[in-house]
Amino acid sequence: MALLAAGMEAPSRSSQGRGYWRNVAAALRRDPAAMIALALIVIIVLAAIFAPLISPADPYQGSMARRLRPVGDPHFLLGSDELGRDMLTRLIYGGRLSLFVGITPVLLAFIIGGSLGMLVGYVGGILNTLVMRTMDIFFAFPSVLLAVALSGAMGPGVSNSILSLTIVFIPPITRVAESITTEIRNRDFIEAARLSGAGIVPILHTHVFRNVVGPIFVYATSLISVSMVLASGLSFLGLGVRPPEAEWGFMLNTLRAAIYVNPLVAALPGIMIFVTSISFNLLSDGLRSAMDVKSS
């Protein structure tokens, strides 16, 4: 509700233009937790992008003679996994799929749910009722259960995981977009655009979108951490990536048996999931607080 409240206050501020966004950026820079979170996200993303250049070994080449080496081993800085593959390399490469499967569904849901929510929020009437009651059906199921059910029905694979998570995140983003759009659709500047003869598409593109995209984006960033945890959970259950691909959730699954032999190595993928998801959460909180700042 706090996110929704923040989002419903933002339209009048976002219309102030560049001065408002400069204040948002300045407030964000004064938030140490958000800046640390942003720095961690940038480091993780850059490491994933440049994995072939910075990784110390081949992520797929292993040796049973060197399996489960401890953290700090002379040849394996972060140890080795159950097949003798370098854990540091696997974690770096694992960030590629983990970030891709975690961010892509939220991005797709942001585009689809945001557009749908703005449309039905502006038009209202029977269209609004039909769409929002359909979204309510999805809210009847916990997100974890819905994601597992959809992925299980479609089968394992990265594309199916992305599709199932996109379906999970469309309803909440649609609800937020619809609520904010409904709140501003009777504002004077919207009414003036109507009286000038502008159609639905120009009004949505020129007036509504500019005023609601900020709050929706902030809400969407808060879902990235949830998406990463759900995506890792699907891979852990065997519904996500397939071997020998490196992905943090799948790595947790394959290292389960090693938890009593080398617990620190077995916990490393989970630590990466935690650090990345909490960083996105802190960044989202920082953005939300920054967007509440009063422009002077």
C-alpha atoms as a PDB file:
ATOM      1  CA  MET A   1       0.000   0.000   0.000  1.00  0.00           C
ATOM      2  CA  ALA A   2       2.890   2.356   0.686  1.00  0.00           C
ATOM      3  CA  LEU A   3       4.142   1.818  -2.859  1.00  0.00           C
ATOM      4  CA  LEU A   4       0.699   2.508  -4.227  1.00  0.00           C
ATOM      5  CA  ALA A   5       0.340   5.613  -2.100  1.00  0.00           C
ATOM      6  CA  ALA A   6       3.719   6.878  -3.275  1.00  0.00           C
ATOM      7  CA  GLY A   7       2.748   6.157  -6.826  1.00  0.00           C
ATOM      8  CA  MET A   8      -0.559   8.060  -6.536  1.00  0.00           C
ATOM      9  CA  GLU A   9       1.199  11.143  -5.227  1.00  0.00           C
ATOM     10  CA  ALA A  10       3.767  11.219  -7.999  1.00  0.00           C
ATOM     11  CA  PRO A  11       1.800  12.378 -11.068  1.00  0.00           C
ATOM     12  CA  SER A  12       1.444  15.994  -9.975  1.00  0.00           C
ATOM     13  CA  ARG A  13       5.138  16.091  -9.195  1.00  0.00           C
ATOM     14  CA  SER A  14       6.329  14.371 -12.342  1.00  0.00           C
ATOM     15  CA  SER A  15       4.553  16.997 -14.387  1.00  0.00           C
ATOM     16  CA  GLN A  16       6.979  19.586 -13.030  1.00  0.00           C
ATOM     17  CA  GLY A  17       9.547  18.322 -15.543  1.00  0.00           C
ATOM     18  CA  ARG A  18      13.281  18.280 -15.299  1.00  0.00           C
ATOM     19  CA  GLY A  19      13.411  20.134 -11.988  1.00  0.00           C
ATOM     20  CA  TYR A  20      11.482  17.336 -10.309  1.00  0.00           C
ATOM     21  CA  TRP A  21      13.759  14.628 -11.695  1.00  0.00           C
ATOM     22  CA  ARG A  22      16.859  16.583 -10.703  1.00  0.00           C
ATOM     23  CA  ASN A  23      15.514  16.650  -7.151  1.00  0.00           C
ATOM     24  CA  VAL A  24      14.848  12.914  -7.335  1.00  0.00           C
ATOM     25  CA  ALA A  25      18.421  12.244  -8.474  1.00  0.00           C
ATOM     26  CA  ALA A  26      19.828  14.504  -5.741  1.00  0.00           C
ATOM     27  CA  ALA A  27      17.734  12.784  -3.065  1.00  0.00           C
ATOM     28  CA  LEU A  28      18.824   9.381  -4.331  1.00  0.00           C
ATOM     29  CA  ARG A  29      22.487  10.396  -4.128  1.00  0.00           C
ATOM     30  CA  ARG A  30      21.958  11.348  -0.469  1.00  0.00           C
ATOM     31  CA  ASP A  31      20.671   7.852   0.320  1.00  0.00           C
ATOM     32  CA  PRO A  32      23.747   5.725   1.199  1.00  0.00           C
ATOM     33  CA  ALA A  33      21.851   2.425   1.216  1.00  0.00           C
ATOM     34  CA  ALA A  34      20.443   3.051  -2.267  1.00  0.00           C
ATOM     35  CA  MET A  35      23.822   4.114  -3.640  1.00  0.00           C
ATOM     36  CA  ILE A  36      25.565   1.041  -2.185  1.00  0.00           C
ATOM     37  CA  ALA A  37      22.802  -1.141  -3.641  1.00  0.00           C
ATOM     38  CA  LEU A  38      23.169   0.562  -7.024  1.00  0.00           C
ATOM     39  CA  ALA A  39      26.943   0.041  -6.949  1.00  0.00           C
ATOM     40  CA  LEU A  40      26.510  -3.667  -6.167  1.00  0.00           C
ATOM     41  CA  ILE A  41      23.974  -4.081  -8.972  1.00  0.00           C
ATOM     42  CA  VAL A  42      26.291  -2.349 -11.442  1.00  0.00           C
ATOM     43  CA  ILE A  43      29.206  -4.583 -10.408  1.00  0.00           C
ATOM     44  CA  ILE A  44      27.129  -7.765 -10.716  1.00  0.00           C
ATOM     45  CA  VAL A  45      25.692  -6.724 -14.087  1.00  0.00           C
ATOM     46  CA  LEU A  46      29.098  -5.742 -15.484  1.00  0.00           C
ATOM     47  CA  ALA A  47      30.635  -8.989 -14.234  1.00  0.00           C
ATOM     48  CA  ALA A  48      27.880 -10.950 -15.985  1.00  0.00           C
ATOM     49  CA  ILE A  49      28.288  -9.000 -19.225  1.00  0.00           C
ATOM     50  CA  PHE A  50      32.067  -9.352 -19.335  1.00  0.00           C
ATOM     51  CA  ALA A  51      32.150 -12.897 -17.926  1.00  0.00           C
ATOM     52  CA  PRO A  52      34.283 -14.328 -20.778  1.00  0.00           C
ATOM     53  CA  LEU A  53      36.929 -11.637 -20.170  1.00  0.00           C
ATOM     54  CA  ILE A  54      37.191 -11.777 -16.379  1.00  0.00           C
ATOM     55  CA  SER A  55      36.422 -15.400 -15.538  1.00  0.00           C
ATOM     56  CA  PRO A  56      39.506 -17.339 -14.414  1.00  0.00           C
ATOM     57  CA  ALA A  57      38.447 -20.704 -15.889  1.00  0.00           C
ATOM     58  CA  ASP A  58      36.072 -22.543 -18.193  1.00  0.00           C
ATOM     59  CA  PRO A  59      32.615 -22.705 -16.521  1.00  0.00           C
ATOM     60  CA  TYR A  60      31.930 -26.174 -17.950  1.00  0.00           C
ATOM     61  CA  GLN A  61      35.294 -27.902 -17.510  1.00  0.00           C
ATOM     62  CA  GLY A  62      35.638 -29.914 -14.331  1.00  0.00           C
ATOM     63  CA  SER A  63      37.633 -32.705 -12.754  1.00  0.00           C
ATOM     64  CA  MET A  64      36.337 -35.229 -10.264  1.00  0.00           C
ATOM     65  CA  ALA A  65      39.784 -35.234  -8.659  1.00  0.00           C
ATOM     66  CA  ARG A  66      39.309 -31.569  -7.721  1.00  0.00           C
ATOM     67  CA  ARG A  67      35.683 -31.617  -6.655  1.00  0.00           C
ATOM     68  CA  LEU A  68      34.441 -29.636  -3.624  1.00  0.00           C
ATOM     69  CA  ARG A  69      37.674 -27.792  -2.972  1.00  0.00           C
ATOM     70  CA  PRO A  70      37.254 -25.297  -0.101  1.00  0.00           C
ATOM     71  CA  VAL A  71      37.114 -21.520  -0.393  1.00  0.00           C
ATOM     72  CA  GLY A  72      40.667 -20.150  -0.523  1.00  0.00           C
ATOM     73  CA  ASP A  73      42.153 -23.119  -2.367  1.00  0.00           C
ATOM     74  CA  PRO A  74      45.312 -22.039  -4.286  1.00  0.00           C
ATOM     75  CA  HIS A  75      43.721 -23.006  -7.614  1.00  0.00           C
ATOM     76  CA  PHE A  76      40.098 -22.135  -6.759  1.00  0.00           C
ATOM     77  CA  LEU A  77      39.557 -18.795  -5.010  1.00  0.00           C
ATOM     78  CA  LEU A  78      35.940 -19.658  -4.104  1.00  0.00           C
ATOM     79  CA  GLY A  79      36.354 -23.425  -4.164  1.00  0.00           C
ATOM     80  CA  SER A  80      34.980 -25.903  -6.683  1.00  0.00           C
ATOM     81  CA  ASP A  81      31.582 -27.513  -7.154  1.00  0.00           C
ATOM     82  CA  GLU A  82      30.476 -31.142  -7.123  1.00  0.00           C
ATOM     83  CA  LEU A  83      32.030 -31.727 -10.551  1.00  0.00           C
ATOM     84  CA  GLY A  84      35.290 -29.917  -9.859  1.00  0.00           C
ATOM     85  CA  ARG A  85      34.341 -26.748 -11.757  1.00  0.00           C
ATOM     86  CA  ASP A  86      35.615 -23.370 -10.576  1.00  0.00           C
ATOM     87  CA  MET A  87      32.939 -21.774  -8.381  1.00  0.00           C
ATOM     88  CA  LEU A  88      34.007 -18.192  -9.015  1.00  0.00           C
ATOM     89  CA  THR A  89      33.638 -18.727 -12.748  1.00  0.00           C
ATOM     90  CA  ARG A  90      30.304 -20.502 -12.331  1.00  0.00           C
ATOM     91  CA  LEU A  91      28.985 -17.686 -10.130  1.00  0.00           C
ATOM     92  CA  ILE A  92      30.011 -15.033 -12.642  1.00  0.00           C
ATOM     93  CA  TYR A  93      28.438 -16.916 -15.545  1.00  0.00           C
ATOM     94  CA  GLY A  94      25.438 -17.812 -13.385  1.00  0.00           C
ATOM     95  CA  GLY A  95      24.706 -14.118 -12.978  1.00  0.00           C
ATOM     96  CA  ARG A  96      23.956 -13.912 -16.686  1.00  0.00           C
ATOM     97  CA  LEU A  97      20.988 -16.276 -16.626  1.00  0.00           C
ATOM     98  CA  SER A  98      19.871 -15.297 -13.118  1.00  0.00           C
ATOM     99  CA  LEU A  99      19.694 -11.608 -14.040  1.00  0.00           C
ATOM    100  CA  PHE A 100      18.145 -12.312 -17.435  1.00  0.00           C
ATOM    101  CA  VAL A 101      15.409 -14.581 -16.076  1.00  0.00           C
ATOM    102  CA  GLY A 102      14.853 -12.264 -13.112  1.00  0.00           C
ATOM    103  CA  ILE A 103      14.651  -8.926 -14.946  1.00  0.00           C
ATOM    104  CA  THR A 104      13.057  -9.895 -18.280  1.00  0.00           C
ATOM    105  CA  PRO A 105       9.658 -10.975 -16.847  1.00  0.00           C
ATOM    106  CA  VAL A 106       9.373  -7.728 -14.874  1.00  0.00           C
ATOM    107  CA  LEU A 107      10.298  -5.691 -17.950  1.00  0.00           C
ATOM    108  CA  LEU A 108       7.709  -7.498 -20.077  1.00  0.00           C
ATOM    109  CA  ALA A 109       5.080  -7.182 -17.337  1.00  0.00           C
ATOM    110  CA  PHE A 110       5.937  -3.487 -16.977  1.00  0.00           C
ATOM    111  CA  ILE A 111       5.259  -2.931 -20.697  1.00  0.00           C
ATOM    112  CA  ILE A 112       2.157  -5.129 -20.942  1.00  0.00           C
ATOM    113  CA  GLY A 113       0.638  -4.492 -17.519  1.00  0.00           C
ATOM    114  CA  GLY A 114       1.489  -0.792 -17.530  1.00  0.00           C
ATOM    115  CA  SER A 115      -0.073  -0.256 -20.964  1.00  0.00           C
ATOM    116  CA  LEU A 116      -3.158  -2.302 -20.088  1.00  0.00           C
ATOM    117  CA  GLY A 117      -3.590  -0.556 -16.729  1.00  0.00           C
ATOM    118  CA  MET A 118      -3.318   2.912 -18.280  1.00  0.00           C
ATOM    119  CA  LEU A 119      -5.835   1.996 -20.995  1.00  0.00           C
ATOM    120  CA  VAL A 120      -8.514   0.556 -18.706  1.00  0.00           C
ATOM    121  CA  GLY A 121      -7.882   3.210 -16.060  1.00  0.00           C
ATOM    122  CA  TYR A 122      -8.497   5.957 -18.593  1.00  0.00           C
ATOM    123  CA  VAL A 123     -11.405   4.351 -20.447  1.00  0.00           C
ATOM    124  CA  GLY A 124     -13.158   2.977 -17.342  1.00  0.00           C
ATOM    125  CA  GLY A 125     -16.600   1.437 -17.639  1.00  0.00           C
ATOM    126  CA  ILE A 126     -17.208  -2.173 -18.586  1.00  0.00           C
ATOM    127  CA  LEU A 127     -13.720  -2.603 -20.036  1.00  0.00           C
ATOM    128  CA  ASN A 128     -12.175  -1.626 -16.717  1.00  0.00           C
ATOM    129  CA  THR A 129     -14.472  -4.004 -14.846  1.00  0.00           C
ATOM    130  CA  LEU A 130     -13.755  -6.967 -17.122  1.00  0.00           C
ATOM    131  CA  VAL A 131      -9.982  -6.518 -17.117  1.00  0.00           C
ATOM    132  CA  MET A 132      -9.594  -5.798 -13.414  1.00  0.00           C
ATOM    133  CA  ARG A 133     -11.861  -8.665 -12.348  1.00  0.00           C
ATOM    134  CA  THR A 134      -9.757 -10.950 -14.557  1.00  0.00           C
ATOM    135  CA  MET A 135      -6.633  -9.666 -12.799  1.00  0.00           C
ATOM    136  CA  ASP A 136      -8.325 -10.391  -9.455  1.00  0.00           C
ATOM    137  CA  ILE A 137      -8.554 -14.064 -10.418  1.00  0.00           C
ATOM    138  CA  PHE A 138      -4.749 -14.236 -10.581  1.00  0.00           C
ATOM    139  CA  PHE A 139      -4.524 -12.559  -7.171  1.00  0.00           C
ATOM    140  CA  ALA A 140      -6.402 -15.534  -5.707  1.00  0.00           C
ATOM    141  CA  PHE A 141      -3.226 -17.610  -6.075  1.00  0.00           C
ATOM    142  CA  PRO A 142       0.065 -16.985  -4.243  1.00  0.00           C
ATOM    143  CA  SER A 143       2.755 -15.873  -6.694  1.00  0.00           C
ATOM    144  CA  VAL A 144       4.997 -18.842  -5.856  1.00  0.00           C
ATOM    145  CA  LEU A 145       2.232 -21.377  -6.395  1.00  0.00           C
ATOM    146  CA  LEU A 146       1.117 -19.707  -9.626  1.00  0.00           C
ATOM    147  CA  ALA A 147       4.664 -19.582 -11.019  1.00  0.00           C
ATOM    148  CA  VAL A 148       5.308 -23.247 -10.188  1.00  0.00           C
ATOM    149  CA  ALA A 149       1.937 -24.320 -11.613  1.00  0.00           C
ATOM    150  CA  LEU A 150       2.449 -22.429 -14.872  1.00  0.00           C
ATOM    151  CA  SER A 151       6.038 -23.603 -15.302  1.00  0.00           C
ATOM    152  CA  GLY A 152       5.082 -27.169 -14.479  1.00  0.00           C
ATOM    153  CA  ALA A 153       2.288 -27.081 -17.041  1.00  0.00           C
ATOM    154  CA  MET A 154       4.501 -25.611 -19.781  1.00  0.00           C
ATOM    155  CA  GLY A 155       7.574 -27.676 -18.970  1.00  0.00           C
ATOM    156  CA  PRO A 156      11.132 -26.790 -17.965  1.00  0.00           C
ATOM    157  CA  GLY A 157      13.180 -24.219 -19.843  1.00  0.00           C
ATOM    158  CA  VAL A 158      14.283 -20.608 -19.677  1.00  0.00           C
ATOM    159  CA  SER A 159      11.617 -19.333 -22.081  1.00  0.00           C
ATOM    160  CA  ASN A 160       8.823 -21.059 -20.154  1.00  0.00           C
ATOM    161  CA  SER A 161      10.143 -19.670 -16.861  1.00  0.00           C
ATOM    162  CA  ILE A 162      10.156 -16.160 -18.305  1.00  0.00           C
ATOM    163  CA  LEU A 163       6.635 -16.595 -19.677  1.00  0.00           C
ATOM    164  CA  SER A 164       5.245 -17.950 -16.403  1.00  0.00           C
ATOM    165  CA  LEU A 165       6.827 -15.167 -14.340  1.00  0.00           C
ATOM    166  CA  THR A 166       5.593 -12.534 -16.784  1.00  0.00           C
ATOM    167  CA  ILE A 167       2.047 -13.815 -16.288  1.00  0.00           C
ATOM    168  CA  VAL A 168       2.562 -13.665 -12.513  1.00  0.00           C
ATOM    169  CA  PHE A 169       3.689 -10.011 -12.554  1.00  0.00           C
ATOM    170  CA  ILE A 170       1.227  -8.559 -15.079  1.00  0.00           C
ATOM    171  CA  PRO A 171      -1.725  -8.390 -12.610  1.00  0.00           C
ATOM    172  CA  PRO A 172      -0.013  -6.352  -9.836  1.00  0.00           C
ATOM    173  CA  ILE A 173       1.525  -3.902 -12.301  1.00  0.00           C
ATOM    174  CA  THR A 174      -1.806  -3.568 -14.108  1.00  0.00           C
ATOM    175  CA  ARG A 175      -3.549  -2.814 -10.825  1.00  0.00           C
ATOM    176  CA  VAL A 176      -1.040  -0.108  -9.876  1.00  0.00           C
ATOM    177  CA  ALA A 177      -1.170   1.475 -13.354  1.00  0.00           C
ATOM    178  CA  GLU A 178      -4.978   1.405 -13.373  1.00  0.00           C
ATOM    179  CA  SER A 179      -5.218   2.947  -9.915  1.00  0.00           C
ATOM    180  CA  ILE A 180      -2.858   5.831 -10.726  1.00  0.00           C
ATOM    181  CA  THR A 181      -4.491   6.480 -14.113  1.00  0.00           C
ATOM    182  CA  THR A 182      -7.963   6.484 -12.570  1.00  0.00           C
ATOM    183  CA  GLU A 183      -6.775   9.073 -10.047  1.00  0.00           C
ATOM    184  CA  ILE A 184      -5.480  11.511 -12.708  1.00  0.00           C
ATOM    185  CA  ARG A 185      -7.906  10.992 -15.600  1.00  0.00           C
ATOM    186  CA  ASN A 186     -10.187  13.819 -14.432  1.00  0.00           C
ATOM    187  CA  ARG A 187      -7.385  16.311 -13.838  1.00  0.00           C
ATOM    188  CA  ASP A 188      -7.658  19.667 -15.622  1.00  0.00           C
ATOM    189  CA  PHE A 189      -4.867  18.991 -18.120  1.00  0.00           C
ATOM    190  CA  ILE A 190      -6.509  15.714 -19.209  1.00  0.00           C
ATOM    191  CA  GLU A 191      -9.881  17.420 -19.531  1.00  0.00           C
ATOM    192  CA  ALA A 192      -8.307  20.209 -21.568  1.00  0.00           C
ATOM    193  CA  ALA A 193      -6.787  17.641 -23.935  1.00  0.00           C
ATOM    194  CA  ARG A 194     -10.195  16.006 -24.377  1.00  0.00           C
ATOM    195  CA  LEU A 195     -11.888  19.325 -25.113  1.00  0.00           C
ATOM    196  CA  SER A 196      -9.214  20.127 -27.687  1.00  0.00           C
ATOM    197  CA  GLY A 197     -10.329  17.063 -29.649  1.00  0.00           C
ATOM    198  CA  ALA A 198      -7.386  14.777 -28.850  1.00  0.00           C
ATOM    199  CA  GLY A 199      -8.102  11.051 -29.131  1.00  0.00           C
ATOM    200  CA  ILE A 200      -7.447   8.319 -26.594  1.00  0.00           C
ATOM    201  CA  VAL A 201      -4.060   7.300 -28.006  1.00  0.00           C
ATOM    202  CA  PRO A 202      -2.560  10.835 -28.062  1.00  0.00           C
ATOM    203  CA  ILE A 203      -3.837  11.551 -24.558  1.00  0.00           C
ATOM    204  CA  LEU A 204      -2.449   8.300 -23.213  1.00  0.00           C
ATOM    205  CA  HIS A 205       0.885   8.832 -24.944  1.00  0.00           C
ATOM    206  CA  THR A 206       1.350  12.534 -24.288  1.00  0.00           C
ATOM    207  CA  HIS A 207      -0.338  13.149 -20.935  1.00  0.00           C
ATOM    208  CA  VAL A 208      -1.095   9.941 -19.040  1.00  0.00           C
ATOM    209  CA  PHE A 209       2.116   8.028 -19.770  1.00  0.00           C
ATOM    210  CA  ARG A 210       4.391  10.890 -18.727  1.00  0.00           C
ATOM    211  CA  ASN A 211       2.618  11.221 -15.396  1.00  0.00           C
ATOM    212  CA  VAL A 212       2.291   7.571 -14.396  1.00  0.00           C
ATOM    213  CA  VAL A 213       5.414   5.890 -15.793  1.00  0.00           C
ATOM    214  CA  GLY A 214       7.622   6.972 -12.860  1.00  0.00           C
ATOM    215  CA  PRO A 215       5.515   5.425 -10.068  1.00  0.00           C
ATOM    216  CA  ILE A 216       4.907   2.278 -12.120  1.00  0.00           C
ATOM    217  CA  PHE A 217       8.632   1.949 -12.793  1.00  0.00           C
ATOM    218  CA  VAL A 218       9.442   2.271  -9.076  1.00  0.00           C
ATOM    219  CA  TYR A 219       6.895  -0.409  -8.254  1.00  0.00           C
ATOM    220  CA  ALA A 220       8.286  -2.655 -11.011  1.00  0.00           C
ATOM    221  CA  THR A 221      11.831  -2.361  -9.632  1.00  0.00           C
ATOM    222  CA  SER A 222      10.550  -3.666  -6.307  1.00  0.00           C
ATOM    223  CA  LEU A 223       9.325  -6.794  -8.133  1.00  0.00           C
ATOM    224  CA  ILE A 224      12.756  -7.613  -9.578  1.00  0.00           C
ATOM    225  CA  SER A 225      13.950  -9.017  -6.251  1.00  0.00           C
ATOM    226  CA  VAL A 226      10.819 -11.183  -6.046  1.00  0.00           C
ATOM    227  CA  SER A 227      11.309 -12.260  -9.651  1.00  0.00           C
ATOM    228  CA  MET A 228      14.914 -13.300  -9.033  1.00  0.00           C
ATOM    229  CA  VAL A 229      13.929 -15.389  -6.025  1.00  0.00           C
ATOM    230  CA  LEU A 230      11.057 -17.028  -7.926  1.00  0.00           C
ATOM    231  CA  ALA A 231      13.246 -17.680 -10.985  1.00  0.00           C
ATOM    232  CA  SER A 232      15.915 -19.249  -8.801  1.00  0.00           C
ATOM    233  CA  GLY A 233      13.253 -21.320  -7.074  1.00  0.00           C
ATOM    234  CA  LEU A 234      11.983 -22.630 -10.406  1.00  0.00           C
ATOM    235  CA  SER A 235      15.515 -23.614 -11.407  1.00  0.00           C
ATOM    236  CA  PHE A 236      16.040 -25.224  -8.006  1.00  0.00           C
ATOM    237  CA  LEU A 237      12.949 -27.346  -8.636  1.00  0.00           C
ATOM    238  CA  GLY A 238      14.188 -28.332 -12.098  1.00  0.00           C
ATOM    239  CA  LEU A 239      11.683 -26.116 -13.931  1.00  0.00           C
ATOM    240  CA  GLY A 240      14.182 -23.534 -15.136  1.00  0.00           C
ATOM    241  CA  VAL A 241      17.551 -23.885 -16.833  1.00  0.00           C
ATOM    242  CA  ARG A 242      18.971 -27.247 -17.811  1.00  0.00           C
ATOM    243  CA  PRO A 243      22.454 -28.645 -17.176  1.00  0.00           C
ATOM    244  CA  PRO A 244      25.244 -27.821 -17.740  1.00  0.00           C
ATOM    245  CA  GLU A 245      24.190 -24.144 -17.764  1.00  0.00           C
ATOM    246  CA  ALA A 246      25.247 -22.053 -14.787  1.00  0.00           C
ATOM    247  CA  GLU A 247      22.393 -20.390 -12.885  1.00  0.00           C
ATOM    248  CA  TRP A 248      22.365 -19.602  -9.179  1.00  0.00           C
ATOM    249  CA  GLY A 249      19.144 -21.442  -8.350  1.00  0.00           C
ATOM    250  CA  PHE A 250      20.158 -24.527 -10.299  1.00  0.00           C
ATOM    251  CA  MET A 251      23.614 -24.413  -8.690  1.00  0.00           C
ATOM    252  CA  LEU A 252      21.938 -24.505  -5.275  1.00  0.00           C
ATOM    253  CA  ASN A 253      20.097 -27.625  -6.359  1.00  0.00           C
ATOM    254  CA  THR A 254      23.192 -29.460  -7.590  1.00  0.00           C
ATOM    255  CA  LEU A 255      25.166 -28.513  -4.464  1.00  0.00           C
ATOM    256  CA  ARG A 256      22.509 -29.750  -2.009  1.00  0.00           C
ATOM    257  CA  ALA A 257      24.386 -32.965  -1.328  1.00  0.00           C
ATOM    258  CA  ALA A 258      27.549 -31.019  -0.501  1.00  0.00           C
ATOM    259  CA  ILE A 259      25.993 -28.958   2.293  1.00  0.00           C
ATOM    260  CA  TYR A 260      27.454 -31.236   5.002  1.00  0.00           C
ATOM    261  CA  VAL A 261      30.807 -31.655   3.246  1.00  0.00           C
ATOM    262  CA  ASN A 262      31.564 -28.082   2.222  1.00  0.00           C
ATOM    263  CA  PRO A 263      28.749 -25.829   3.477  1.00  0.00           C
ATOM    264  CA  LEU A 264      30.336 -22.502   2.503  1.00  0.00           C
ATOM    265  CA  VAL A 265      30.789 -23.486  -1.138  1.00  0.00           C
ATOM    266  CA  ALA A 266      27.263 -24.909  -1.224  1.00  0.00           C
ATOM    267  CA  ALA A 267      25.877 -21.631   0.163  1.00  0.00           C
ATOM    268  CA  LEU A 268      27.643 -19.302  -2.299  1.00  0.00           C
ATOM    269  CA  PRO A 269      24.858 -19.304  -4.961  1.00  0.00           C
ATOM    270  CA  GLY A 270      22.312 -18.550  -2.249  1.00  0.00           C
ATOM    271  CA  ILE A 271      24.448 -15.673  -1.007  1.00  0.00           C
ATOM    272  CA  MET A 272      24.540 -14.230  -4.528  1.00  0.00           C
ATOM    273  CA  ILE A 273      20.751 -14.517  -4.833  1.00  0.00           C
ATOM    274  CA  PHE A 274      20.328 -12.784  -1.467  1.00  0.00           C
ATOM    275  CA  VAL A 275      22.788  -9.957  -2.186  1.00  0.00           C
ATOM    276  CA  THR A 276      21.329  -9.242  -5.629  1.00  0.00           C
ATOM    277  CA  SER A 277      17.684  -9.356  -4.557  1.00  0.00           C
ATOM    278  CA  ILE A 278      18.251  -7.217  -1.455  1.00  0.00           C
ATOM    279  CA  SER A 279      20.174  -4.705  -3.587  1.00  0.00           C
ATOM    280  CA  PHE A 280      17.212  -4.325  -5.943  1.00  0.00           C
ATOM    281  CA  ASN A 281      14.931  -3.960  -2.922  1.00  0.00           C
ATOM    282  CA  LEU A 282      17.074  -1.222  -1.378  1.00  0.00           C
ATOM    283  CA  LEU A 283      17.345   0.601  -4.705  1.00  0.00           C
ATOM    284  CA  SER A 284      13.569   0.450  -5.125  1.00  0.00           C
ATOM    285  CA  ASP A 285      13.056   1.830  -1.605  1.00  0.00           C
ATOM    286  CA  GLY A 286      15.526   4.617  -2.343  1.00  0.00           C
ATOM    287  CA  LEU A 287      13.725   5.526  -5.571  1.00  0.00           C
ATOM    288  CA  ARG A 288      10.380   5.555  -3.802  1.00  0.00           C
ATOM    289  CA  SER A 289      11.671   7.831  -1.048  1.00  0.00           C
ATOM    290  CA  ALA A 290      13.393  10.100  -3.569  1.00  0.00           C
ATOM    291  CA  MET A 291      10.181  10.478  -5.560  1.00  0.00           C
ATOM    292  CA  ASP A 292       8.415  11.664  -2.406  1.00  0.00           C
ATOM    293  CA  VAL A 293      10.751  14.636  -2.098  1.00  0.00           C
ATOM    294  CA  LYS A 294       9.132  18.058  -2.388  1.00  0.00           C
ATOM    295  CA  SER A 295      10.495  20.198  -5.173  1.00  0.00           C
ATOM    296  CA  SER A 296      11.702  23.567  -3.923  1.00  0.00           C
END
